[in-house]
């Protein structure tokens, strides 16, 4: 199962990177996501893979039309639900709420850039047109918080969680974002 989730997640990352119109995204083959998706299907039930793929498709349309931008945090939550519901239906609600909040915080983080590019997320629809610095740090904290929650339901020994959180914080700036402060970005022009 773990390998299936890893390959499924990587397929989403490849798909998302090839569908965004940002200059700072990775330059990869636009069909590479299909390979990792097929591999994930060897480890996970096909309905899990298809449900995740459908939610990923809708999430990736975030920058295309208003309805997809406003609903993006919901689709992000449903991505995780597609995986978790197959194994623990009760945990699905908690997963949805945590990921929805985490995604919404990220939208606040990027609100200024989204507003400039006419991407209609919930914060932009609420009239927020500046990147929210509080959300940059809150998002990192929330990622760590969700990791702690997931660890309670995983096979991982609790001692690994600190290392995982440290790796998450160290690698956070490696994701290119227009909203990253200059001191927090490893890219020359974002």
Protein backbone atom coordinates (compact mmCIF):
# COMPACT_ATOMS: atom_id res chain seq x y z
CA UNK A 1 0.00 0.00 0.00
CA UNK A 2 2.75 2.47 0.91
CA UNK A 3 4.41 2.11 -2.50
CA UNK A 4 1.05 2.55 -4.20
CA UNK A 5 0.37 5.79 -2.36
CA UNK A 6 3.88 7.06 -3.14
CA UNK A 7 3.49 6.33 -6.86
CA UNK A 8 -0.03 7.77 -6.88
CA UNK A 9 1.16 10.95 -5.22
CA UNK A 10 4.11 11.28 -7.60
CA UNK A 11 1.75 10.83 -10.54
CA UNK A 12 -0.30 13.75 -9.23
CA UNK A 13 2.80 15.93 -8.79
CA UNK A 14 3.91 15.18 -12.35
CA UNK A 15 0.42 15.86 -13.67
CA UNK A 16 0.08 19.13 -11.76
CA UNK A 17 3.51 20.39 -12.80
CA UNK A 18 2.78 19.77 -16.48
CA UNK A 19 -0.64 21.43 -16.37
CA UNK A 20 0.30 24.66 -14.64
CA UNK A 21 1.24 27.66 -16.71
CA UNK A 22 3.85 28.95 -14.26
CA UNK A 23 7.35 29.72 -15.49
CA UNK A 24 8.91 28.22 -12.38
CA UNK A 25 7.42 24.73 -12.65
CA UNK A 26 9.47 21.65 -13.38
CA UNK A 27 10.00 20.90 -17.04
CA UNK A 28 9.02 17.24 -17.45
CA UNK A 29 7.31 15.11 -20.05
CA UNK A 30 3.59 15.84 -19.93
CA UNK A 31 2.72 12.12 -20.05
CA UNK A 32 5.12 10.91 -17.34
CA UNK A 33 2.31 10.98 -14.79
CA UNK A 34 0.63 8.08 -16.62
CA UNK A 35 3.57 5.77 -15.91
CA UNK A 36 3.57 6.40 -12.17
CA UNK A 37 -0.23 6.19 -12.10
CA UNK A 38 -0.16 2.75 -13.73
CA UNK A 39 2.47 1.56 -11.26
CA UNK A 40 0.29 2.75 -8.36
CA UNK A 41 -2.55 0.57 -9.66
CA UNK A 42 -0.43 -2.52 -9.01
CA UNK A 43 -0.39 -1.68 -5.29
CA UNK A 44 -3.79 -0.07 -4.69
CA UNK A 45 -7.39 -0.88 -5.58
CA UNK A 46 -8.24 0.61 -8.97
CA UNK A 47 -11.18 2.59 -7.53
CA UNK A 48 -8.78 4.30 -5.11
CA UNK A 49 -6.49 5.24 -8.00
CA UNK A 50 -9.36 6.45 -10.20
CA UNK A 51 -10.99 8.44 -7.38
CA UNK A 52 -7.68 10.08 -6.56
CA UNK A 53 -7.03 10.81 -10.25
CA UNK A 54 -10.46 12.43 -10.69
CA UNK A 55 -9.96 14.66 -7.64
CA UNK A 56 -6.44 15.51 -8.86
CA UNK A 57 -7.81 16.47 -12.27
CA UNK A 58 -10.34 18.87 -10.73
CA UNK A 59 -7.73 20.30 -8.36
CA UNK A 60 -5.29 20.88 -11.22
CA UNK A 61 -7.94 23.01 -12.98
CA UNK A 62 -7.62 25.50 -10.10
CA UNK A 63 -6.03 28.16 -12.29
CA UNK A 64 -8.35 27.68 -15.26
CA UNK A 65 -11.83 28.75 -14.16
CA UNK A 66 -13.41 30.43 -11.14
CA UNK A 67 -15.38 27.36 -9.95
CA UNK A 68 -12.23 25.20 -9.84
CA UNK A 69 -10.22 27.84 -8.00
CA UNK A 70 -12.88 28.38 -5.36
CA UNK A 71 -13.42 24.63 -4.90
CA UNK A 72 -9.71 23.69 -5.02
CA UNK A 73 -9.36 23.20 -1.25
CA UNK A 74 -12.29 20.79 -1.33
CA UNK A 75 -10.74 18.77 -4.17
CA UNK A 76 -7.44 18.66 -2.28
CA UNK A 77 -9.25 17.19 0.73
CA UNK A 78 -11.10 14.70 -1.46
CA UNK A 79 -7.79 13.50 -2.93
CA UNK A 80 -6.78 12.23 0.48
CA UNK A 81 -10.25 10.89 1.22
CA UNK A 82 -10.05 8.81 -1.97
CA UNK A 83 -7.12 6.94 -0.44
CA UNK A 84 -8.14 6.82 3.21
CA UNK A 85 -11.81 5.88 2.72
CA UNK A 86 -10.80 2.56 1.18
CA UNK A 87 -9.08 1.59 4.43
CA UNK A 88 -10.74 3.51 7.25
CA UNK A 89 -14.03 5.27 6.51
CA UNK A 90 -14.21 6.91 9.96
CA UNK A 91 -10.81 8.53 9.49
CA UNK A 92 -11.94 10.08 6.19
CA UNK A 93 -13.76 13.00 7.79
CA UNK A 94 -10.74 13.97 9.91
CA UNK A 95 -8.50 13.68 6.85
CA UNK A 96 -10.81 15.85 4.76
CA UNK A 97 -11.06 18.59 7.40
CA UNK A 98 -7.31 18.74 8.05
CA UNK A 99 -6.34 18.79 4.37
CA UNK A 100 -9.07 21.30 3.50
CA UNK A 101 -7.75 23.66 6.20
CA UNK A 102 -4.14 23.11 5.11
CA UNK A 103 -5.02 23.86 1.49
CA UNK A 104 -7.07 26.91 2.45
CA UNK A 105 -4.10 28.28 4.43
CA UNK A 106 -1.93 27.78 1.34
CA UNK A 107 -4.46 29.77 -0.69
CA UNK A 108 -4.16 32.63 1.83
CA UNK A 109 -0.38 32.39 1.50
CA UNK A 110 -0.64 32.89 -2.28
CA UNK A 111 -3.65 35.27 -2.34
CA UNK A 112 -1.76 38.25 -3.78
CA UNK A 113 -0.22 36.31 -6.62
CA UNK A 114 -3.50 34.53 -7.31
CA UNK A 115 -5.37 37.85 -7.41
CA UNK A 116 -2.81 39.32 -9.87
CA UNK A 117 -3.22 36.30 -12.12
CA UNK A 118 -7.02 36.30 -11.78
CA UNK A 119 -7.11 32.89 -10.06
CA UNK A 120 -10.29 32.81 -7.99
CA UNK A 121 -9.54 31.01 -4.74
CA UNK A 122 -11.60 31.43 -1.58
CA UNK A 123 -9.34 34.21 -0.17
CA UNK A 124 -9.38 36.08 -3.50
CA UNK A 125 -13.18 35.75 -3.64
CA UNK A 126 -13.25 37.25 -0.12
CA UNK A 127 -11.32 40.27 -1.41
CA UNK A 128 -7.87 39.40 -0.07
CA UNK A 129 -5.34 40.55 -2.66
CA UNK A 130 -2.01 40.35 -0.83
CA UNK A 131 0.10 37.31 0.01
CA UNK A 132 -0.32 36.53 3.68
CA UNK A 133 3.03 36.03 5.42
CA UNK A 134 1.29 34.50 8.44
CA UNK A 135 -0.04 31.81 6.14
CA UNK A 136 3.43 30.86 4.88
CA UNK A 137 4.51 29.89 8.38
CA UNK A 138 1.09 28.58 9.37
CA UNK A 139 1.13 26.28 6.35
CA UNK A 140 4.50 24.84 7.39
CA UNK A 141 3.22 24.33 10.92
CA UNK A 142 0.02 22.71 9.65
CA UNK A 143 2.01 20.33 7.45
CA UNK A 144 3.90 19.25 10.57
CA UNK A 145 0.67 18.95 12.55
CA UNK A 146 -0.93 16.72 9.93
CA UNK A 147 2.22 14.59 9.89
CA UNK A 148 1.85 14.05 13.63
CA UNK A 149 -1.82 13.11 13.14
CA UNK A 150 -0.99 10.69 10.29
CA UNK A 151 1.74 9.11 12.39
CA UNK A 152 -0.86 8.12 14.99
CA UNK A 153 -2.52 5.94 12.34
CA UNK A 154 0.58 4.63 10.60
CA UNK A 155 3.07 1.84 11.00
CA UNK A 156 5.92 4.30 11.61
CA UNK A 157 7.74 4.29 14.89
CA UNK A 158 7.12 7.61 16.64
CA UNK A 159 10.84 8.41 16.71
CA UNK A 160 10.80 8.87 12.94
CA UNK A 161 8.24 11.65 13.11
CA UNK A 162 10.73 14.27 14.31
CA UNK A 163 13.07 13.44 11.44
CA UNK A 164 10.18 13.59 8.94
CA UNK A 165 9.06 16.99 10.26
CA UNK A 166 12.62 18.36 10.08
CA UNK A 167 12.86 17.13 6.47
CA UNK A 168 9.52 18.76 5.63
CA UNK A 169 10.64 22.10 7.04
CA UNK A 170 14.05 21.97 5.34
CA UNK A 171 12.58 21.02 1.96
CA UNK A 172 9.60 23.41 2.08
CA UNK A 173 11.49 26.16 0.21
CA UNK A 174 12.34 23.72 -2.60
CA UNK A 175 8.79 24.01 -3.91
CA UNK A 176 8.88 27.08 -6.12
CA UNK A 177 6.19 29.57 -5.17
CA UNK A 178 5.72 33.12 -6.26
CA UNK A 179 4.70 33.93 -2.68
CA UNK A 180 7.96 32.71 -1.11
CA UNK A 181 9.90 35.61 0.41
CA UNK A 182 13.28 36.14 -1.31
CA UNK A 183 15.14 34.78 1.73
CA UNK A 184 12.97 31.67 1.63
CA UNK A 185 13.32 30.70 -2.00
CA UNK A 186 16.00 28.59 -3.69
CA UNK A 187 15.02 29.94 -7.10
CA UNK A 188 16.39 33.12 -8.66
CA UNK A 189 13.16 34.33 -10.19
CA UNK A 190 9.89 33.10 -8.84
